C-alpha cells in the first residue's frame, strides 16, 4: 500500500500533455513574433515618412519663401499671358536680390530644380548651365504643377498667387511612400 501511494505522488506529465503545451507555446510565440515584426515594419515606414516630410518641408519652405518675395510671376515668358490655369511645370519670377530682377525659375524632372541668374564681372546677368536640385535623391517627383492666378492684371487689388501641387514617391531601402502636397503662395509685396 505504501508503495502505490509513493507512485501516485511522483506522477509526471505525459508525452501528450507535453506535445500539446509545446504546440500552444509555438503558436503563441509565432503570433508574438509576427506582431513584433509588423511593429518594426511600421516603425521603419514612419521613419521614412518623417524623412520625406522633413525633406519636402525644407524644399517647400525654400520655394514658397522665394516666390512670396518675388513678383511678375509667369508660366511661359515671353507669352502674352502669364497666368496658368492649366498648370505649368515651370515658374519664372523676378526678385530684388538676383541680377537686378532677372528671372529665377523652378522646373520639374523627377525633382524640383532651381536656376538663379548671377552677375558676371562685367555686370551682365548669366545663368549657370546646371540647375540645383532642392530635393534629396530619395524623393522622386512624379508630377509638379504651378498654377498662377492674378499675375496678368496689375490694376486690380488682388495679389497674384501661385498654387503648387507636388506628387511623388519617397524611396527607402525596401519601402516606397507616395505623397501629395499642395500649397498656395501669395505675393508679399503690393502688386507691381
N, C-alpha and C. Protein backbone atom coordinates (compact mmCIF):
# COMPACT_ATOMS: atom_id res chain seq x y z
N UNK A 1 0.81 -1.18 0.00
CA UNK A 1 0.00 0.00 0.00
C UNK A 1 0.86 1.26 0.00
N UNK A 2 1.86 1.25 0.80
CA UNK A 2 2.76 2.38 0.89
C UNK A 2 3.45 2.64 -0.46
N UNK A 3 3.78 1.63 -1.17
CA UNK A 3 4.43 1.76 -2.47
C UNK A 3 3.51 2.41 -3.51
N UNK A 4 2.24 2.08 -3.53
CA UNK A 4 1.30 2.65 -4.51
C UNK A 4 1.04 4.13 -4.23
N UNK A 5 1.07 4.55 -2.95
CA UNK A 5 0.90 5.97 -2.64
C UNK A 5 2.12 6.77 -3.12
N UNK A 6 3.31 6.19 -3.02
CA UNK A 6 4.51 6.87 -3.48
C UNK A 6 4.49 7.06 -4.99
N UNK A 7 4.00 6.10 -5.71
CA UNK A 7 3.96 6.18 -7.16
C UNK A 7 3.01 7.29 -7.60
N UNK A 8 1.88 7.39 -6.94
CA UNK A 8 0.92 8.42 -7.30
C UNK A 8 1.45 9.82 -7.01
N UNK A 9 2.23 9.99 -5.97
CA UNK A 9 2.77 11.31 -5.64
C UNK A 9 3.85 11.75 -6.63
N UNK A 10 4.62 10.88 -7.22
CA UNK A 10 5.70 11.21 -8.14
C UNK A 10 5.26 11.19 -9.59
N UNK A 11 4.03 11.39 -9.80
CA UNK A 11 3.49 11.34 -11.15
C UNK A 11 3.97 12.54 -11.96
N UNK A 12 4.40 12.39 -13.26
CA UNK A 12 4.91 13.46 -14.12
C UNK A 12 3.92 13.70 -15.27
N UNK A 13 4.29 14.69 -16.16
CA UNK A 13 3.46 14.97 -17.33
C UNK A 13 3.60 13.84 -18.33
N UNK A 14 2.53 13.60 -19.04
CA UNK A 14 2.59 12.57 -20.08
C UNK A 14 3.13 13.20 -21.36
N UNK A 15 3.48 12.36 -22.30
CA UNK A 15 4.01 12.81 -23.57
C UNK A 15 2.98 13.66 -24.32
N UNK A 16 1.73 13.27 -24.28
CA UNK A 16 0.66 14.01 -24.96
C UNK A 16 0.52 15.41 -24.35
N UNK A 17 0.57 15.53 -23.05
CA UNK A 17 0.46 16.83 -22.39
C UNK A 17 1.64 17.73 -22.78
N UNK A 18 2.82 17.17 -22.88
CA UNK A 18 3.99 17.94 -23.27
C UNK A 18 3.87 18.43 -24.72
N UNK A 19 3.40 17.58 -25.62
CA UNK A 19 3.23 17.97 -27.02
C UNK A 19 2.18 19.07 -27.17
N UNK A 20 1.08 18.96 -26.43
CA UNK A 20 0.04 19.99 -26.50
C UNK A 20 0.57 21.32 -25.99
N UNK A 21 1.27 21.31 -24.87
CA UNK A 21 1.80 22.56 -24.32
C UNK A 21 2.87 23.15 -25.23
N UNK A 22 3.71 22.32 -25.85
CA UNK A 22 4.72 22.80 -26.77
C UNK A 22 4.09 23.41 -28.02
N UNK A 23 3.03 22.80 -28.51
CA UNK A 23 2.32 23.34 -29.67
C UNK A 23 1.69 24.69 -29.35
N UNK A 24 1.04 24.79 -28.21
CA UNK A 24 0.45 26.06 -27.80
C UNK A 24 1.52 27.15 -27.64
N UNK A 25 2.63 26.79 -27.04
CA UNK A 25 3.73 27.74 -26.88
C UNK A 25 4.24 28.20 -28.25
N UNK A 26 4.37 27.29 -29.21
CA UNK A 26 4.85 27.63 -30.56
C UNK A 26 3.88 28.57 -31.27
N UNK A 27 2.59 28.33 -31.14
CA UNK A 27 1.59 29.19 -31.77
C UNK A 27 1.63 30.59 -31.17
N UNK A 28 1.68 30.69 -29.86
CA UNK A 28 1.73 31.99 -29.19
C UNK A 28 3.01 32.73 -29.56
N UNK A 29 4.13 32.04 -29.61
CA UNK A 29 5.41 32.66 -29.96
C UNK A 29 5.39 33.16 -31.40
N UNK A 30 4.83 32.38 -32.32
CA UNK A 30 4.74 32.79 -33.72
C UNK A 30 3.89 34.04 -33.86
N UNK A 31 2.77 34.08 -33.18
CA UNK A 31 1.90 35.26 -33.22
C UNK A 31 2.63 36.47 -32.64
N UNK A 32 3.33 36.29 -31.57
CA UNK A 32 4.05 37.40 -30.93
C UNK A 32 5.16 37.93 -31.84
N UNK A 33 5.93 37.03 -32.47
CA UNK A 33 7.00 37.48 -33.35
C UNK A 33 6.44 38.14 -34.61
N UNK A 34 5.32 37.66 -35.12
CA UNK A 34 4.68 38.30 -36.27
C UNK A 34 4.25 39.71 -35.91
N UNK A 35 3.65 39.88 -34.76
CA UNK A 35 3.23 41.21 -34.31
C UNK A 35 4.44 42.11 -34.13
N UNK A 36 5.51 41.60 -33.55
CA UNK A 36 6.72 42.37 -33.36
C UNK A 36 7.33 42.79 -34.70
N UNK A 37 7.34 41.88 -35.66
CA UNK A 37 7.85 42.19 -36.99
C UNK A 37 7.03 43.30 -37.65
N UNK A 38 5.72 43.22 -37.53
CA UNK A 38 4.84 44.24 -38.12
C UNK A 38 5.05 45.60 -37.44
N UNK A 39 5.27 45.60 -36.15
CA UNK A 39 5.53 46.84 -35.43
C UNK A 39 6.85 47.45 -35.91
N UNK A 40 7.87 46.63 -36.09
CA UNK A 40 9.16 47.12 -36.58
C UNK A 40 9.03 47.65 -38.01
N UNK A 41 8.24 46.97 -38.84
CA UNK A 41 8.00 47.41 -40.21
C UNK A 41 7.27 48.75 -40.23
N UNK A 42 6.26 48.90 -39.37
CA UNK A 42 5.53 50.16 -39.28
C UNK A 42 6.45 51.28 -38.78
N UNK A 43 7.33 50.96 -37.86
CA UNK A 43 8.29 51.95 -37.36
C UNK A 43 9.22 52.42 -38.47
N UNK A 44 9.72 51.50 -39.29
CA UNK A 44 10.59 51.87 -40.41
C UNK A 44 9.84 52.73 -41.42
N UNK A 45 8.59 52.38 -41.68
CA UNK A 45 7.79 53.18 -42.62
C UNK A 45 7.55 54.57 -42.07
N UNK A 46 7.27 54.69 -40.77
CA UNK A 46 7.06 56.02 -40.19
C UNK A 46 8.35 56.85 -40.21
N UNK A 47 9.50 56.20 -40.04
CA UNK A 47 10.78 56.92 -40.16
C UNK A 47 10.98 57.43 -41.57
N UNK A 48 10.63 56.61 -42.57
CA UNK A 48 10.75 57.02 -43.96
C UNK A 48 9.83 58.20 -44.25
N UNK A 49 8.61 58.11 -43.77
CA UNK A 49 7.65 59.20 -43.99
C UNK A 49 8.14 60.47 -43.31
N UNK A 50 8.69 60.35 -42.12
CA UNK A 50 9.20 61.53 -41.41
C UNK A 50 10.36 62.16 -42.18
N UNK A 51 11.25 61.33 -42.72
CA UNK A 51 12.37 61.83 -43.51
C UNK A 51 11.87 62.57 -44.74
N UNK A 52 10.90 61.98 -45.43
CA UNK A 52 10.34 62.60 -46.62
C UNK A 52 9.65 63.92 -46.27
N UNK A 53 8.86 63.91 -45.22
CA UNK A 53 8.14 65.12 -44.82
C UNK A 53 9.13 66.22 -44.46
N UNK A 54 10.17 65.90 -43.74
CA UNK A 54 11.18 66.90 -43.40
C UNK A 54 11.87 67.45 -44.65
N UNK A 55 12.24 66.56 -45.56
CA UNK A 55 12.89 66.96 -46.81
C UNK A 55 11.95 67.84 -47.63
N UNK A 56 10.69 67.44 -47.75
CA UNK A 56 9.73 68.22 -48.52
C UNK A 56 9.42 69.55 -47.84
N UNK A 57 9.35 69.56 -46.51
CA UNK A 57 9.09 70.81 -45.80
C UNK A 57 10.19 71.83 -46.07
N UNK A 58 11.43 71.39 -46.03
CA UNK A 58 12.55 72.31 -46.29
C UNK A 58 12.47 72.83 -47.73
N UNK A 59 12.22 71.94 -48.68
CA UNK A 59 12.14 72.34 -50.08
C UNK A 59 10.96 73.27 -50.33
N UNK A 60 9.79 72.93 -49.80
CA UNK A 60 8.61 73.77 -49.99
C UNK A 60 8.78 75.12 -49.32
N UNK A 61 9.36 75.14 -48.14
CA UNK A 61 9.58 76.40 -47.43
C UNK A 61 10.54 77.29 -48.22
N UNK A 62 11.58 76.70 -48.79
CA UNK A 62 12.53 77.45 -49.59
C UNK A 62 11.84 78.03 -50.83
N UNK A 63 11.07 77.20 -51.52
CA UNK A 63 10.36 77.66 -52.72
C UNK A 63 9.36 78.74 -52.38
N UNK A 64 8.53 78.51 -51.37
CA UNK A 64 7.48 79.48 -51.05
C UNK A 64 8.08 80.81 -50.57
N UNK A 65 9.17 80.75 -49.84
CA UNK A 65 9.81 81.99 -49.37
C UNK A 65 10.28 82.82 -50.56
N UNK A 66 10.92 82.18 -51.52
CA UNK A 66 11.42 82.92 -52.68
C UNK A 66 10.29 83.41 -53.57
N UNK A 67 9.26 82.59 -53.76
CA UNK A 67 8.12 83.01 -54.58
C UNK A 67 7.35 84.13 -53.89
N UNK A 68 7.20 84.05 -52.58
CA UNK A 68 6.44 85.05 -51.83
C UNK A 68 7.05 86.45 -51.96
N UNK A 69 8.37 86.56 -51.96
CA UNK A 69 9.00 87.88 -52.06
C UNK A 69 9.27 88.27 -53.52
N UNK A 70 8.94 87.39 -54.45
CA UNK A 70 9.12 87.70 -55.86
C UNK A 70 7.93 88.46 -56.43
N UNK A 71 8.01 88.75 -57.72
CA UNK A 71 6.92 89.43 -58.42
C UNK A 71 7.03 89.10 -59.90
N UNK A 72 6.03 89.51 -60.68
CA UNK A 72 5.95 89.19 -62.11
C UNK A 72 6.02 87.69 -62.37
N UNK A 73 5.17 86.95 -61.70
CA UNK A 73 5.12 85.50 -61.91
C UNK A 73 4.68 85.21 -63.33
N UNK A 74 5.29 84.24 -63.94
CA UNK A 74 4.92 83.88 -65.31
C UNK A 74 5.20 82.39 -65.53
N UNK A 75 4.28 81.75 -66.25
CA UNK A 75 4.44 80.32 -66.54
C UNK A 75 5.33 80.10 -67.76
N UNK A 76 5.15 80.90 -68.79
CA UNK A 76 5.89 80.71 -70.04
C UNK A 76 6.28 82.04 -70.65
N UNK A 77 7.29 82.72 -70.10
CA UNK A 77 7.65 84.00 -70.72
C UNK A 77 8.33 83.76 -72.06
N UNK A 78 8.27 84.60 -72.98
CA UNK A 78 7.58 85.89 -73.02
C UNK A 78 6.18 85.76 -73.63
N UNK A 79 5.34 84.93 -73.09
CA UNK A 79 3.99 84.73 -73.58
C UNK A 79 3.16 85.99 -73.34
N UNK A 80 2.04 86.09 -74.08
CA UNK A 80 1.18 87.26 -73.92
C UNK A 80 0.45 87.22 -72.59
N UNK A 81 0.21 86.04 -72.06
CA UNK A 81 -0.42 85.91 -70.75
C UNK A 81 0.47 85.07 -69.85
N UNK A 82 0.60 85.50 -68.62
CA UNK A 82 1.47 84.77 -67.69
C UNK A 82 0.68 83.84 -66.77
N UNK A 83 -0.64 84.09 -66.65
CA UNK A 83 -1.44 83.21 -65.80
C UNK A 83 -1.47 81.81 -66.39
N UNK A 84 -1.59 80.84 -65.53
CA UNK A 84 -1.54 79.44 -65.95
C UNK A 84 -2.68 78.67 -65.29
N UNK A 85 -3.86 78.67 -65.94
CA UNK A 85 -5.00 77.95 -65.38
C UNK A 85 -4.87 76.45 -65.55
N UNK A 86 -4.07 76.02 -66.53
CA UNK A 86 -3.88 74.59 -66.76
C UNK A 86 -2.67 74.04 -66.03
N UNK A 87 -1.92 74.92 -65.42
CA UNK A 87 -0.72 74.49 -64.70
C UNK A 87 0.48 74.42 -65.62
N UNK A 88 1.62 74.68 -65.06
CA UNK A 88 2.88 74.65 -65.79
C UNK A 88 3.91 73.90 -64.97
N UNK A 89 4.86 73.29 -65.63
CA UNK A 89 5.93 72.61 -64.90
C UNK A 89 7.04 73.57 -64.52
N UNK A 90 6.94 74.82 -64.97
CA UNK A 90 7.94 75.82 -64.64
C UNK A 90 7.25 77.09 -64.16
N UNK A 91 7.95 77.84 -63.35
CA UNK A 91 7.51 79.17 -62.95
C UNK A 91 8.70 80.09 -63.04
N UNK A 92 8.47 81.23 -63.64
CA UNK A 92 9.50 82.26 -63.75
C UNK A 92 9.02 83.45 -62.93
N UNK A 93 9.91 84.08 -62.24
CA UNK A 93 9.54 85.28 -61.49
C UNK A 93 10.78 86.10 -61.21
N UNK A 94 10.56 87.34 -60.83
CA UNK A 94 11.67 88.24 -60.52
C UNK A 94 11.76 88.40 -59.02
N UNK A 95 12.98 88.63 -58.55
CA UNK A 95 13.20 89.01 -57.16
C UNK A 95 14.14 90.20 -57.15
N UNK A 96 14.20 90.88 -56.08
CA UNK A 96 15.03 92.09 -55.99
C UNK A 96 16.51 91.74 -55.81
N UNK A 97 16.81 90.52 -55.35
CA UNK A 97 18.18 90.18 -54.99
C UNK A 97 18.99 89.55 -56.12
N UNK A 98 18.33 89.05 -57.15
CA UNK A 98 19.10 88.33 -58.16
C UNK A 98 19.16 89.10 -59.47
N UNK A 99 20.33 89.44 -59.88
CA UNK A 99 20.56 90.07 -61.19
C UNK A 99 19.66 91.27 -61.44
N UNK A 100 19.47 92.09 -60.44
CA UNK A 100 18.61 93.27 -60.59
C UNK A 100 17.24 92.92 -61.14
N UNK A 101 16.67 91.85 -60.67
CA UNK A 101 15.32 91.49 -61.08
C UNK A 101 15.22 90.53 -62.24
N UNK A 102 16.31 89.85 -62.59
CA UNK A 102 16.23 88.85 -63.65
C UNK A 102 15.46 87.63 -63.16
N UNK A 103 15.04 86.80 -64.08
CA UNK A 103 14.19 85.66 -63.75
C UNK A 103 14.91 84.56 -62.97
N UNK A 104 14.17 83.97 -62.09
CA UNK A 104 14.57 82.78 -61.36
C UNK A 104 13.48 81.76 -61.67
N UNK A 105 13.79 80.50 -61.89
CA UNK A 105 12.71 79.56 -62.18
C UNK A 105 12.94 78.20 -61.55
N UNK A 106 11.87 77.50 -61.36
CA UNK A 106 11.87 76.14 -60.88
C UNK A 106 11.33 75.25 -61.98
N UNK A 107 11.85 74.07 -62.11
CA UNK A 107 11.32 73.13 -63.09
C UNK A 107 11.27 71.75 -62.46
N UNK A 108 10.59 70.84 -63.10
CA UNK A 108 10.48 69.50 -62.53
C UNK A 108 10.91 68.46 -63.54
N UNK A 109 11.83 67.63 -63.19
CA UNK A 109 12.29 66.48 -63.97
C UNK A 109 12.72 65.42 -62.96
N UNK A 110 11.76 64.75 -62.36
CA UNK A 110 11.98 63.79 -61.28
C UNK A 110 12.42 64.47 -59.99
N UNK A 111 12.63 65.78 -60.04
CA UNK A 111 12.95 66.55 -58.85
C UNK A 111 12.54 67.99 -59.10
N UNK A 112 12.67 68.82 -58.11
CA UNK A 112 12.44 70.24 -58.28
C UNK A 112 13.81 70.90 -58.38
N UNK A 113 14.02 71.67 -59.43
CA UNK A 113 15.32 72.29 -59.65
C UNK A 113 15.17 73.81 -59.63
N UNK A 114 16.26 74.46 -59.35
CA UNK A 114 16.29 75.90 -59.24
C UNK A 114 17.44 76.43 -60.07
N UNK A 115 17.18 77.50 -60.78
CA UNK A 115 18.22 78.15 -61.58
C UNK A 115 18.12 79.64 -61.31
N UNK A 116 19.20 80.22 -60.84
CA UNK A 116 19.21 81.63 -60.44
C UNK A 116 20.23 82.37 -61.29
N UNK A 117 19.83 83.53 -61.79
CA UNK A 117 20.77 84.36 -62.55
C UNK A 117 21.75 85.04 -61.61
N UNK A 118 23.01 85.14 -62.05
CA UNK A 118 24.05 85.82 -61.27
C UNK A 118 24.78 86.79 -62.19
N UNK A 119 25.29 87.85 -61.61
CA UNK A 119 26.04 88.83 -62.40
C UNK A 119 27.48 88.37 -62.57
N UNK A 120 27.98 88.53 -63.79
CA UNK A 120 29.39 88.24 -64.02
C UNK A 120 30.22 89.49 -63.73
N UNK A 121 31.51 89.44 -63.98
CA UNK A 121 32.39 90.57 -63.65
C UNK A 121 32.06 91.82 -64.45
N UNK A 122 31.44 91.65 -65.62
CA UNK A 122 31.07 92.80 -66.45
C UNK A 122 29.71 93.36 -66.06
N UNK A 123 29.03 92.72 -65.09
CA UNK A 123 27.72 93.20 -64.66
C UNK A 123 26.56 92.62 -65.44
N UNK A 124 26.82 91.65 -66.33
CA UNK A 124 25.76 91.02 -67.11
C UNK A 124 25.18 89.84 -66.34
N UNK A 125 23.89 89.62 -66.52
CA UNK A 125 23.23 88.50 -65.85
C UNK A 125 23.49 87.21 -66.62
N UNK A 126 24.01 86.23 -65.95
CA UNK A 126 24.29 84.93 -66.55
C UNK A 126 23.59 83.84 -65.75
N UNK A 127 23.15 82.80 -66.45
CA UNK A 127 22.56 81.65 -65.78
C UNK A 127 23.54 80.50 -65.83
N UNK A 128 23.77 79.84 -64.72
CA UNK A 128 24.68 78.68 -64.75
C UNK A 128 24.09 77.59 -65.64
N UNK A 129 24.96 76.79 -66.22
CA UNK A 129 24.49 75.74 -67.13
C UNK A 129 23.78 74.60 -66.38
N UNK A 130 24.03 74.49 -65.11
CA UNK A 130 23.38 73.43 -64.34
C UNK A 130 22.32 74.01 -63.41
N UNK A 131 21.32 73.21 -63.16
CA UNK A 131 20.28 73.59 -62.22
C UNK A 131 20.55 72.89 -60.90
N UNK A 132 20.20 73.51 -59.80
CA UNK A 132 20.42 72.95 -58.48
C UNK A 132 19.15 72.25 -58.01
N UNK A 133 19.25 70.98 -57.69
CA UNK A 133 18.10 70.24 -57.14
C UNK A 133 17.90 70.66 -55.69
N UNK A 134 16.65 70.88 -55.33
CA UNK A 134 16.37 71.29 -53.95
C UNK A 134 15.77 70.15 -53.13
N UNK A 135 15.60 68.99 -53.74
CA UNK A 135 15.12 67.80 -53.03
C UNK A 135 16.23 66.76 -52.97
N UNK A 136 16.17 65.90 -51.98
CA UNK A 136 17.14 64.82 -51.85
C UNK A 136 16.93 63.74 -52.90
N UNK A 137 17.93 62.87 -53.05
CA UNK A 137 17.85 61.80 -54.04
C UNK A 137 16.80 60.75 -53.69
N UNK A 138 16.40 60.68 -52.43
CA UNK A 138 15.42 59.67 -52.03
C UNK A 138 13.99 60.09 -52.33
N UNK A 139 13.79 61.31 -52.85
CA UNK A 139 12.46 61.80 -53.19
C UNK A 139 12.39 61.99 -54.70
N UNK A 140 11.43 61.34 -55.34
CA UNK A 140 11.22 61.46 -56.78
C UNK A 140 9.88 62.14 -57.01
N UNK A 141 9.90 63.27 -57.71
CA UNK A 141 8.68 63.99 -58.03
C UNK A 141 8.13 63.45 -59.34
N UNK A 142 6.93 62.92 -59.29
CA UNK A 142 6.29 62.37 -60.49
C UNK A 142 5.50 63.43 -61.24
N UNK A 143 4.99 64.41 -60.49
CA UNK A 143 4.19 65.46 -61.09
C UNK A 143 4.36 66.73 -60.27
N UNK A 144 4.71 67.82 -60.93
CA UNK A 144 4.80 69.13 -60.28
C UNK A 144 4.09 70.13 -61.17
N UNK A 145 3.17 70.87 -60.60
CA UNK A 145 2.41 71.87 -61.36
C UNK A 145 2.39 73.17 -60.59
N UNK A 146 2.54 74.27 -61.32
CA UNK A 146 2.45 75.61 -60.77
C UNK A 146 1.27 76.30 -61.47
N UNK A 147 0.24 76.66 -60.72
CA UNK A 147 -0.91 77.37 -61.24
C UNK A 147 -0.80 78.83 -60.81
N UNK A 148 -0.71 79.74 -61.78
CA UNK A 148 -0.52 81.16 -61.49
C UNK A 148 -1.83 81.88 -61.75
N UNK A 149 -2.28 82.68 -60.77
CA UNK A 149 -3.53 83.43 -60.88
C UNK A 149 -3.28 84.88 -60.50
N UNK A 150 -3.81 85.81 -61.30
CA UNK A 150 -3.75 87.23 -60.95
C UNK A 150 -2.47 87.93 -61.30
N UNK A 151 -1.61 87.30 -62.07
CA UNK A 151 -0.33 87.93 -62.42
C UNK A 151 -0.47 88.87 -63.60
N UNK A 152 -1.48 88.65 -64.45
CA UNK A 152 -1.63 89.46 -65.65
C UNK A 152 -2.26 90.83 -65.38
N UNK A 153 -3.18 90.91 -64.44
CA UNK A 153 -3.92 92.15 -64.19
C UNK A 153 -3.31 92.89 -63.01
N UNK A 154 -2.53 93.93 -63.31
CA UNK A 154 -1.88 94.70 -62.25
C UNK A 154 -2.75 95.86 -61.75
N UNK A 155 -3.91 96.06 -62.38
CA UNK A 155 -4.75 97.18 -61.99
C UNK A 155 -5.72 96.82 -60.86
N UNK A 156 -5.88 95.54 -60.59
CA UNK A 156 -6.81 95.15 -59.52
C UNK A 156 -6.10 95.21 -58.17
N UNK A 157 -6.84 94.95 -57.13
CA UNK A 157 -6.26 94.98 -55.78
C UNK A 157 -5.97 93.57 -55.26
N UNK A 158 -6.08 92.61 -56.11
CA UNK A 158 -5.81 91.22 -55.70
C UNK A 158 -4.34 90.90 -55.92
N UNK A 159 -3.75 90.31 -54.92
CA UNK A 159 -2.36 89.92 -55.03
C UNK A 159 -2.25 88.67 -55.92
N UNK A 160 -1.26 88.62 -56.78
CA UNK A 160 -1.02 87.39 -57.55
C UNK A 160 -0.71 86.23 -56.59
N UNK A 161 -1.11 85.05 -56.99
CA UNK A 161 -0.85 83.88 -56.15
C UNK A 161 -0.47 82.70 -57.04
N UNK A 162 0.24 81.78 -56.40
CA UNK A 162 0.71 80.58 -57.09
C UNK A 162 0.27 79.37 -56.28
N UNK A 163 -0.40 78.45 -56.93
CA UNK A 163 -0.77 77.17 -56.31
C UNK A 163 0.25 76.15 -56.76
N UNK A 164 0.90 75.50 -55.80
CA UNK A 164 1.92 74.48 -56.10
C UNK A 164 1.37 73.12 -55.71
N UNK A 165 1.40 72.19 -56.65
CA UNK A 165 0.94 70.82 -56.38
C UNK A 165 2.07 69.87 -56.74
N UNK A 166 2.46 69.05 -55.78
CA UNK A 166 3.51 68.05 -55.99
C UNK A 166 2.96 66.67 -55.70
N UNK A 167 3.32 65.72 -56.54
CA UNK A 167 3.01 64.31 -56.31
C UNK A 167 4.26 63.52 -56.60
N UNK A 168 4.56 62.57 -55.73
CA UNK A 168 5.77 61.80 -55.96
C UNK A 168 5.87 60.62 -55.02
N UNK A 169 7.08 60.11 -54.90
CA UNK A 169 7.30 58.98 -54.02
C UNK A 169 8.67 59.09 -53.38
N UNK A 170 8.72 58.64 -52.16
CA UNK A 170 9.97 58.58 -51.42
C UNK A 170 10.39 57.13 -51.34
N UNK A 171 11.65 56.88 -51.58
CA UNK A 171 12.15 55.52 -51.59
C UNK A 171 13.17 55.35 -50.48
N UNK A 172 12.93 54.33 -49.67
CA UNK A 172 13.88 53.96 -48.64
C UNK A 172 14.45 52.61 -49.07
N UNK A 173 15.17 51.95 -48.21
CA UNK A 173 15.86 50.71 -48.53
C UNK A 173 14.95 49.72 -49.28
N UNK A 174 13.80 49.44 -48.73
CA UNK A 174 12.89 48.50 -49.40
C UNK A 174 11.44 48.95 -49.31
N UNK A 175 11.22 50.25 -49.13
CA UNK A 175 9.88 50.76 -48.98
C UNK A 175 9.68 52.01 -49.83
N UNK A 176 8.52 52.13 -50.46
CA UNK A 176 8.15 53.33 -51.20
C UNK A 176 6.95 53.97 -50.52
N UNK A 177 6.97 55.28 -50.42
CA UNK A 177 5.87 56.02 -49.82
C UNK A 177 5.43 57.08 -50.83
N UNK A 178 4.15 57.05 -51.17
CA UNK A 178 3.57 58.01 -52.11
C UNK A 178 3.14 59.25 -51.33
N UNK A 179 3.34 60.44 -51.91
CA UNK A 179 2.91 61.66 -51.25
C UNK A 179 2.24 62.60 -52.24
N UNK A 180 1.34 63.43 -51.73
CA UNK A 180 0.69 64.52 -52.46
C UNK A 180 0.77 65.75 -51.57
N UNK A 181 1.29 66.84 -52.09
CA UNK A 181 1.42 68.07 -51.32
C UNK A 181 0.87 69.22 -52.16
N UNK A 182 0.17 70.12 -51.48
CA UNK A 182 -0.38 71.29 -52.15
C UNK A 182 -0.24 72.50 -51.23
N UNK A 183 0.17 73.62 -51.79
CA UNK A 183 0.26 74.85 -51.02
C UNK A 183 0.00 76.03 -51.95
N UNK A 184 -0.46 77.12 -51.36
CA UNK A 184 -0.70 78.35 -52.12
C UNK A 184 0.19 79.45 -51.56
N UNK A 185 0.81 80.20 -52.45
CA UNK A 185 1.70 81.29 -52.08
C UNK A 185 1.17 82.57 -52.72
N UNK A 186 1.03 83.60 -51.92
CA UNK A 186 0.63 84.90 -52.48
C UNK A 186 1.80 85.86 -52.39
N UNK A 187 1.83 86.78 -53.33
CA UNK A 187 2.90 87.76 -53.38
C UNK A 187 2.84 88.65 -52.15
N UNK A 188 3.95 88.84 -51.50
CA UNK A 188 4.01 89.65 -50.29
C UNK A 188 3.95 91.14 -50.60
N UNK A 189 4.73 91.57 -51.59
CA UNK A 189 4.77 92.98 -51.94
C UNK A 189 3.51 93.38 -52.68
N UNK A 190 3.14 94.65 -52.65
CA UNK A 190 1.97 95.10 -53.42
C UNK A 190 2.16 94.78 -54.91
N UNK A 191 1.06 94.49 -55.56
CA UNK A 191 1.06 94.11 -56.97
C UNK A 191 1.79 95.18 -57.79
N UNK A 192 2.76 94.75 -58.63
CA UNK A 192 3.55 95.69 -59.42
C UNK A 192 3.22 95.57 -60.89
